[in-house]
């Protein structure tokens, strides 16, 4: 019984309590897009993509950025 309790405790401590979030953010002055892990807090940046989509992996966000028409290519 102690082993099960210990294993449960270890899992609870090592498992993240929230999922990662990724956003496609466009700078309004350069029109270039980047992927960030937090919503922009400055007025010169905005979340772009279908309805301000929040992605769960960076790979999904990269695919979404390639499909977003407002982003300028380098």
N, C-alpha and C. Protein backbone atom coordinates (compact mmCIF):
# COMPACT_ATOMS: atom_id res chain seq x y z
N UNK A 1 0.82 -1.19 0.00
CA UNK A 1 0.00 0.00 0.00
C UNK A 1 0.87 1.25 0.00
N UNK A 2 1.96 1.23 0.73
CA UNK A 2 2.86 2.39 0.76
C UNK A 2 3.48 2.65 -0.60
N UNK A 3 3.80 1.58 -1.32
CA UNK A 3 4.41 1.75 -2.65
C UNK A 3 3.44 2.44 -3.60
N UNK A 4 2.17 2.11 -3.53
CA UNK A 4 1.17 2.73 -4.39
C UNK A 4 1.03 4.21 -4.02
N UNK A 5 0.99 4.50 -2.73
CA UNK A 5 0.88 5.89 -2.29
C UNK A 5 2.11 6.69 -2.72
N UNK A 6 3.27 6.11 -2.60
CA UNK A 6 4.50 6.78 -3.00
C UNK A 6 4.54 7.01 -4.51
N UNK A 7 4.14 6.02 -5.28
CA UNK A 7 4.10 6.15 -6.73
C UNK A 7 3.11 7.23 -7.16
N UNK A 8 1.98 7.30 -6.51
CA UNK A 8 0.98 8.33 -6.80
C UNK A 8 1.53 9.71 -6.48
N UNK A 9 2.22 9.84 -5.37
CA UNK A 9 2.82 11.11 -4.98
C UNK A 9 3.88 11.55 -5.98
N UNK A 10 4.73 10.63 -6.41
CA UNK A 10 5.77 10.95 -7.39
C UNK A 10 5.15 11.41 -8.70
N UNK A 11 4.11 10.73 -9.15
CA UNK A 11 3.44 11.14 -10.39
C UNK A 11 2.80 12.51 -10.25
N UNK A 12 2.20 12.78 -9.13
CA UNK A 12 1.54 14.07 -8.92
C UNK A 12 2.54 15.21 -8.92
N UNK A 13 3.72 14.98 -8.38
CA UNK A 13 4.74 16.02 -8.32
C UNK A 13 5.43 16.23 -9.66
N UNK A 14 5.64 15.16 -10.42
CA UNK A 14 6.40 15.28 -11.66
C UNK A 14 5.54 15.58 -12.88
N UNK A 15 4.24 15.40 -12.79
CA UNK A 15 3.36 15.67 -13.93
C UNK A 15 2.96 17.14 -13.91
N UNK A 16 3.12 17.83 -15.05
CA UNK A 16 2.72 19.24 -15.06
C UNK A 16 1.22 19.38 -14.83
N UNK A 17 0.84 20.45 -14.16
CA UNK A 17 -0.57 20.64 -13.83
C UNK A 17 -1.33 21.37 -14.92
N UNK A 18 -0.63 21.91 -15.91
CA UNK A 18 -1.31 22.59 -17.00
C UNK A 18 -0.62 22.26 -18.31
N UNK A 19 -1.38 22.31 -19.38
CA UNK A 19 -0.83 22.02 -20.70
C UNK A 19 -0.15 23.26 -21.25
N UNK A 20 0.83 23.03 -22.10
CA UNK A 20 1.52 24.15 -22.74
C UNK A 20 0.59 24.82 -23.74
N UNK A 21 0.75 26.12 -23.89
CA UNK A 21 -0.04 26.87 -24.86
C UNK A 21 0.91 27.66 -25.75
N UNK A 22 0.62 27.64 -27.05
CA UNK A 22 1.42 28.38 -28.01
C UNK A 22 0.51 29.26 -28.84
N UNK A 23 0.97 30.47 -29.13
CA UNK A 23 0.20 31.45 -29.88
C UNK A 23 1.00 31.93 -31.08
N UNK A 24 0.31 32.23 -32.18
CA UNK A 24 0.94 32.89 -33.32
C UNK A 24 0.70 34.38 -33.10
N UNK A 25 1.78 35.13 -32.98
CA UNK A 25 1.70 36.55 -32.66
C UNK A 25 2.33 37.35 -33.79
N UNK A 26 1.62 38.40 -34.24
CA UNK A 26 2.12 39.26 -35.31
C UNK A 26 2.47 40.63 -34.74
N UNK A 27 3.67 41.11 -35.12
CA UNK A 27 4.09 42.46 -34.77
C UNK A 27 3.46 43.40 -35.78
N UNK A 28 2.73 44.40 -35.32
CA UNK A 28 1.99 45.27 -36.23
C UNK A 28 2.89 46.20 -37.04
N UNK A 29 4.12 46.46 -36.60
CA UNK A 29 5.00 47.35 -37.36
C UNK A 29 5.74 46.60 -38.46
N UNK A 30 6.20 45.38 -38.18
CA UNK A 30 6.95 44.63 -39.19
C UNK A 30 6.09 43.61 -39.93
N UNK A 31 4.91 43.31 -39.39
CA UNK A 31 3.99 42.31 -39.93
C UNK A 31 4.57 40.89 -39.90
N UNK A 32 5.65 40.69 -39.18
CA UNK A 32 6.24 39.36 -39.05
C UNK A 32 5.60 38.63 -37.88
N UNK A 33 5.46 37.32 -38.04
CA UNK A 33 4.83 36.49 -37.02
C UNK A 33 5.87 35.65 -36.29
N UNK A 34 5.60 35.41 -35.04
CA UNK A 34 6.42 34.52 -34.22
C UNK A 34 5.50 33.64 -33.39
N UNK A 35 6.07 32.61 -32.83
CA UNK A 35 5.32 31.71 -31.95
C UNK A 35 5.78 31.99 -30.53
N UNK A 36 4.81 32.24 -29.64
CA UNK A 36 5.13 32.51 -28.24
C UNK A 36 4.36 31.57 -27.33
N UNK A 37 4.80 31.49 -26.10
CA UNK A 37 4.14 30.63 -25.13
C UNK A 37 3.19 31.42 -24.22
N UNK A 38 3.04 32.72 -24.50
CA UNK A 38 2.11 33.53 -23.70
C UNK A 38 1.43 34.54 -24.61
N UNK A 39 0.24 34.98 -24.19
CA UNK A 39 -0.48 36.00 -24.95
C UNK A 39 0.32 37.29 -24.91
N UNK A 40 0.32 38.05 -26.01
CA UNK A 40 1.04 39.32 -25.99
C UNK A 40 0.39 40.31 -25.03
N UNK A 41 1.22 41.11 -24.39
CA UNK A 41 0.72 42.11 -23.45
C UNK A 41 0.93 43.53 -23.95
N UNK A 42 1.61 43.68 -25.07
CA UNK A 42 1.83 45.01 -25.64
C UNK A 42 0.88 45.23 -26.80
N UNK A 43 0.56 46.49 -27.07
CA UNK A 43 -0.44 46.81 -28.09
C UNK A 43 0.10 46.67 -29.51
N UNK A 44 1.41 46.56 -29.68
CA UNK A 44 1.98 46.42 -31.03
C UNK A 44 1.99 44.98 -31.51
N UNK A 45 1.52 44.07 -30.69
CA UNK A 45 1.46 42.66 -31.07
C UNK A 45 0.04 42.15 -30.87
N UNK A 46 -0.37 41.23 -31.79
CA UNK A 46 -1.70 40.63 -31.64
C UNK A 46 -1.65 39.16 -32.03
N UNK A 47 -2.56 38.40 -31.46
CA UNK A 47 -2.69 36.98 -31.77
C UNK A 47 -3.40 36.87 -33.12
N UNK A 48 -2.83 36.10 -34.04
CA UNK A 48 -3.44 35.90 -35.35
C UNK A 48 -3.72 34.42 -35.56
N UNK A 49 -4.44 34.11 -36.61
CA UNK A 49 -4.80 32.73 -36.91
C UNK A 49 -6.30 32.59 -36.79
N UNK A 50 -6.81 31.44 -37.08
CA UNK A 50 -8.25 31.21 -37.01
C UNK A 50 -8.79 31.45 -35.60
N UNK A 51 -9.51 32.53 -35.42
CA UNK A 51 -10.14 32.87 -34.14
C UNK A 51 -9.15 32.92 -32.98
N UNK A 52 -7.91 33.35 -33.23
CA UNK A 52 -6.92 33.43 -32.15
C UNK A 52 -6.61 32.09 -31.54
N UNK A 53 -6.46 31.10 -32.37
CA UNK A 53 -6.27 29.71 -31.94
C UNK A 53 -5.12 29.57 -30.95
N UNK A 54 -5.35 28.77 -29.93
CA UNK A 54 -4.32 28.38 -28.98
C UNK A 54 -3.90 26.97 -29.33
N UNK A 55 -2.61 26.77 -29.57
CA UNK A 55 -2.09 25.46 -29.97
C UNK A 55 -1.47 24.77 -28.76
N UNK A 56 -1.51 23.45 -28.76
CA UNK A 56 -0.97 22.70 -27.64
C UNK A 56 0.48 22.28 -27.85
N UNK A 57 0.97 22.31 -29.10
CA UNK A 57 2.37 22.00 -29.37
C UNK A 57 2.95 23.06 -30.29
N UNK A 58 4.26 23.22 -30.21
CA UNK A 58 4.95 24.17 -31.09
C UNK A 58 4.80 23.75 -32.55
N UNK A 59 4.80 22.46 -32.82
CA UNK A 59 4.67 21.96 -34.19
C UNK A 59 3.32 22.36 -34.79
N UNK A 60 2.24 22.24 -34.00
CA UNK A 60 0.92 22.67 -34.48
C UNK A 60 0.92 24.17 -34.78
N UNK A 61 1.56 24.94 -33.93
CA UNK A 61 1.63 26.38 -34.14
C UNK A 61 2.42 26.71 -35.41
N UNK A 62 3.50 25.99 -35.66
CA UNK A 62 4.29 26.22 -36.88
C UNK A 62 3.47 25.92 -38.12
N UNK A 63 2.71 24.83 -38.09
CA UNK A 63 1.83 24.50 -39.21
C UNK A 63 0.77 25.58 -39.39
N UNK A 64 0.20 26.05 -38.29
CA UNK A 64 -0.80 27.11 -38.35
C UNK A 64 -0.23 28.40 -38.90
N UNK A 65 1.02 28.71 -38.54
CA UNK A 65 1.65 29.93 -39.02
C UNK A 65 1.87 29.88 -40.53
N UNK A 66 2.21 28.71 -41.05
CA UNK A 66 2.41 28.56 -42.49
C UNK A 66 1.11 28.77 -43.25
N UNK A 67 -0.02 28.50 -42.61
CA UNK A 67 -1.32 28.63 -43.25
C UNK A 67 -1.95 30.00 -43.04
N UNK A 68 -1.35 30.82 -42.18
CA UNK A 68 -1.90 32.14 -41.89
C UNK A 68 -1.44 33.13 -42.94
N UNK A 69 -2.38 33.72 -43.65
CA UNK A 69 -2.07 34.59 -44.78
C UNK A 69 -1.48 35.94 -44.39
N UNK A 70 -1.74 36.42 -43.18
CA UNK A 70 -1.28 37.77 -42.79
C UNK A 70 0.19 37.81 -42.40
N UNK A 71 0.81 36.68 -42.21
CA UNK A 71 2.22 36.64 -41.81
C UNK A 71 3.13 36.86 -43.01
N UNK A 72 4.15 37.70 -42.82
CA UNK A 72 5.11 38.00 -43.88
C UNK A 72 6.23 36.97 -43.83
N UNK A 73 6.60 36.47 -44.99
CA UNK A 73 7.71 35.53 -45.07
C UNK A 73 9.02 36.27 -44.94
N UNK A 74 10.05 35.62 -44.35
CA UNK A 74 11.38 36.22 -44.25
C UNK A 74 12.07 36.26 -45.58
